[in-house]
């Protein structure tokens, strides 16, 4: 993910990084951003309501994220989307 973000930065794109409020998600975002260039990043991790997130996604040129509620919002809002799918944790 960091390599993708760096490539977008080098090409002059403004990045807006979001996550849910969970501390584990915020730590993951911090680890990724440590590998990125500090410029052109707006960090909103854990700071948006669902309505604010929807407005942000609606105005984005591209959404990149996991198979999640925000990804479904991007699809519904017809924002170009790159969705990453992978295994889910199964708790028995």
C-alpha atoms as a PDB file:
ATOM      1  CA  UNK A   1       0.000   0.000   0.000  1.00  0.00           C
ATOM      2  CA  UNK A   2       2.848   2.391   0.812  1.00  0.00           C
ATOM      3  CA  UNK A   3       4.393   1.844  -2.632  1.00  0.00           C
ATOM      4  CA  UNK A   4       1.061   2.627  -4.289  1.00  0.00           C
ATOM      5  CA  UNK A   5       0.636   5.792  -2.239  1.00  0.00           C
ATOM      6  CA  UNK A   6       4.209   6.907  -3.001  1.00  0.00           C
ATOM      7  CA  UNK A   7       3.634   6.394  -6.724  1.00  0.00           C
ATOM      8  CA  UNK A   8       0.510   8.538  -6.553  1.00  0.00           C
ATOM      9  CA  UNK A   9       2.404  11.222  -4.623  1.00  0.00           C
ATOM     10  CA  UNK A  10       5.250  11.293  -7.143  1.00  0.00           C
ATOM     11  CA  UNK A  11       2.650  11.859  -9.863  1.00  0.00           C
ATOM     12  CA  UNK A  12       1.319  14.890  -7.976  1.00  0.00           C
ATOM     13  CA  UNK A  13      -1.883  13.475  -6.504  1.00  0.00           C
ATOM     14  CA  UNK A  14      -3.308  14.775  -3.230  1.00  0.00           C
ATOM     15  CA  UNK A  15      -3.925  11.872  -0.839  1.00  0.00           C
ATOM     16  CA  UNK A  16      -6.603  11.760   1.828  1.00  0.00           C
ATOM     17  CA  UNK A  17      -6.130   8.864   4.244  1.00  0.00           C
ATOM     18  CA  UNK A  18      -9.036   7.624   6.344  1.00  0.00           C
ATOM     19  CA  UNK A  19      -9.749   4.747   8.671  1.00  0.00           C
ATOM     20  CA  UNK A  20     -12.192   3.777  11.342  1.00  0.00           C
ATOM     21  CA  UNK A  21     -11.661   4.957  14.915  1.00  0.00           C
ATOM     22  CA  UNK A  22     -10.216   1.630  16.111  1.00  0.00           C
ATOM     23  CA  UNK A  23      -6.689   2.113  17.489  1.00  0.00           C
ATOM     24  CA  UNK A  24      -5.404  -0.920  15.531  1.00  0.00           C
ATOM     25  CA  UNK A  25      -6.528   0.642  12.265  1.00  0.00           C
ATOM     26  CA  UNK A  26      -4.875   3.939  13.164  1.00  0.00           C
ATOM     27  CA  UNK A  27      -1.590   2.158  13.983  1.00  0.00           C
ATOM     28  CA  UNK A  28      -1.740   0.390  10.616  1.00  0.00           C
ATOM     29  CA  UNK A  29      -2.229   3.746   8.864  1.00  0.00           C
ATOM     30  CA  UNK A  30       0.739   5.225  10.759  1.00  0.00           C
ATOM     31  CA  UNK A  31       2.970   2.316   9.701  1.00  0.00           C
ATOM     32  CA  UNK A  32       2.012   2.750   6.057  1.00  0.00           C
ATOM     33  CA  UNK A  33       2.543   6.520   6.142  1.00  0.00           C
ATOM     34  CA  UNK A  34       6.003   6.115   7.689  1.00  0.00           C
ATOM     35  CA  UNK A  35       7.021   4.659   4.315  1.00  0.00           C
ATOM     36  CA  UNK A  36       5.481   7.500   2.297  1.00  0.00           C
ATOM     37  CA  UNK A  37       6.505  11.030   1.468  1.00  0.00           C
ATOM     38  CA  UNK A  38       5.141  13.493   4.046  1.00  0.00           C
ATOM     39  CA  UNK A  39       3.846  16.000   1.495  1.00  0.00           C
ATOM     40  CA  UNK A  40       0.416  15.923  -0.113  1.00  0.00           C
ATOM     41  CA  UNK A  41      -1.170  13.777   2.618  1.00  0.00           C
ATOM     42  CA  UNK A  42      -4.266  14.793   4.531  1.00  0.00           C
ATOM     43  CA  UNK A  43      -4.703  12.421   7.460  1.00  0.00           C
ATOM     44  CA  UNK A  44      -8.305  11.991   8.637  1.00  0.00           C
ATOM     45  CA  UNK A  45      -7.964   8.505  10.153  1.00  0.00           C
ATOM     46  CA  UNK A  46     -10.638   7.949  12.775  1.00  0.00           C
ATOM     47  CA  UNK A  47     -11.993  11.501  12.489  1.00  0.00           C
ATOM     48  CA  UNK A  48     -14.958  11.294  10.099  1.00  0.00           C
ATOM     49  CA  UNK A  49     -18.607  10.429  10.510  1.00  0.00           C
ATOM     50  CA  UNK A  50     -20.129   8.166   7.865  1.00  0.00           C
ATOM     51  CA  UNK A  51     -21.836  11.199   6.312  1.00  0.00           C
ATOM     52  CA  UNK A  52     -18.548  13.105   6.117  1.00  0.00           C
ATOM     53  CA  UNK A  53     -16.823  10.062   4.653  1.00  0.00           C
ATOM     54  CA  UNK A  54     -19.552   9.744   2.016  1.00  0.00           C
ATOM     55  CA  UNK A  55     -19.108  13.415   1.049  1.00  0.00           C
ATOM     56  CA  UNK A  56     -15.340  12.951   0.796  1.00  0.00           C
ATOM     57  CA  UNK A  57     -15.677   9.828  -1.350  1.00  0.00           C
ATOM     58  CA  UNK A  58     -18.258  11.561  -3.551  1.00  0.00           C
ATOM     59  CA  UNK A  59     -15.698  14.270  -4.420  1.00  0.00           C
ATOM     60  CA  UNK A  60     -12.696  11.929  -4.827  1.00  0.00           C
ATOM     61  CA  UNK A  61     -11.086  11.186  -8.182  1.00  0.00           C
ATOM     62  CA  UNK A  62     -10.364   7.614  -7.022  1.00  0.00           C
ATOM     63  CA  UNK A  63     -11.082   5.428  -4.001  1.00  0.00           C
ATOM     64  CA  UNK A  64      -8.570   2.735  -3.043  1.00  0.00           C
ATOM     65  CA  UNK A  65      -9.491   0.488  -0.141  1.00  0.00           C
ATOM     66  CA  UNK A  66     -10.509  -2.837   1.227  1.00  0.00           C
ATOM     67  CA  UNK A  67     -13.829  -4.622   0.775  1.00  0.00           C
ATOM     68  CA  UNK A  68     -15.616  -2.529   3.385  1.00  0.00           C
ATOM     69  CA  UNK A  69     -18.440  -0.056   3.932  1.00  0.00           C
ATOM     70  CA  UNK A  70     -16.417   2.817   2.376  1.00  0.00           C
ATOM     71  CA  UNK A  71     -15.766   0.700  -0.732  1.00  0.00           C
ATOM     72  CA  UNK A  72     -19.495   0.088  -1.098  1.00  0.00           C
ATOM     73  CA  UNK A  73     -20.105   3.814  -0.631  1.00  0.00           C
ATOM     74  CA  UNK A  74     -17.654   4.547  -3.454  1.00  0.00           C
ATOM     75  CA  UNK A  75     -19.440   2.093  -5.726  1.00  0.00           C
ATOM     76  CA  UNK A  76     -22.850   3.569  -4.893  1.00  0.00           C
ATOM     77  CA  UNK A  77     -21.548   7.103  -5.462  1.00  0.00           C
ATOM     78  CA  UNK A  78     -19.982   6.040  -8.781  1.00  0.00           C
ATOM     79  CA  UNK A  79     -16.509   7.099  -7.632  1.00  0.00           C
ATOM     80  CA  UNK A  80     -13.834   5.161  -9.528  1.00  0.00           C
ATOM     81  CA  UNK A  81     -12.735   2.414  -7.169  1.00  0.00           C
ATOM     82  CA  UNK A  82      -9.923  -0.042  -6.656  1.00  0.00           C
ATOM     83  CA  UNK A  83     -11.149  -2.585  -4.121  1.00  0.00           C
ATOM     84  CA  UNK A  84      -8.812  -5.077  -2.460  1.00  0.00           C
ATOM     85  CA  UNK A  85     -10.348  -8.382  -1.448  1.00  0.00           C
ATOM     86  CA  UNK A  86      -8.720 -10.924   0.789  1.00  0.00           C
ATOM     87  CA  UNK A  87      -9.386 -13.513   3.445  1.00  0.00           C
ATOM     88  CA  UNK A  88     -11.422 -12.501   6.448  1.00  0.00           C
ATOM     89  CA  UNK A  89     -10.524 -13.581   9.943  1.00  0.00           C
ATOM     90  CA  UNK A  90     -12.717 -16.409  11.067  1.00  0.00           C
ATOM     91  CA  UNK A  91     -13.362 -16.646  14.781  1.00  0.00           C
ATOM     92  CA  UNK A  92     -14.849 -19.931  15.927  1.00  0.00           C
END
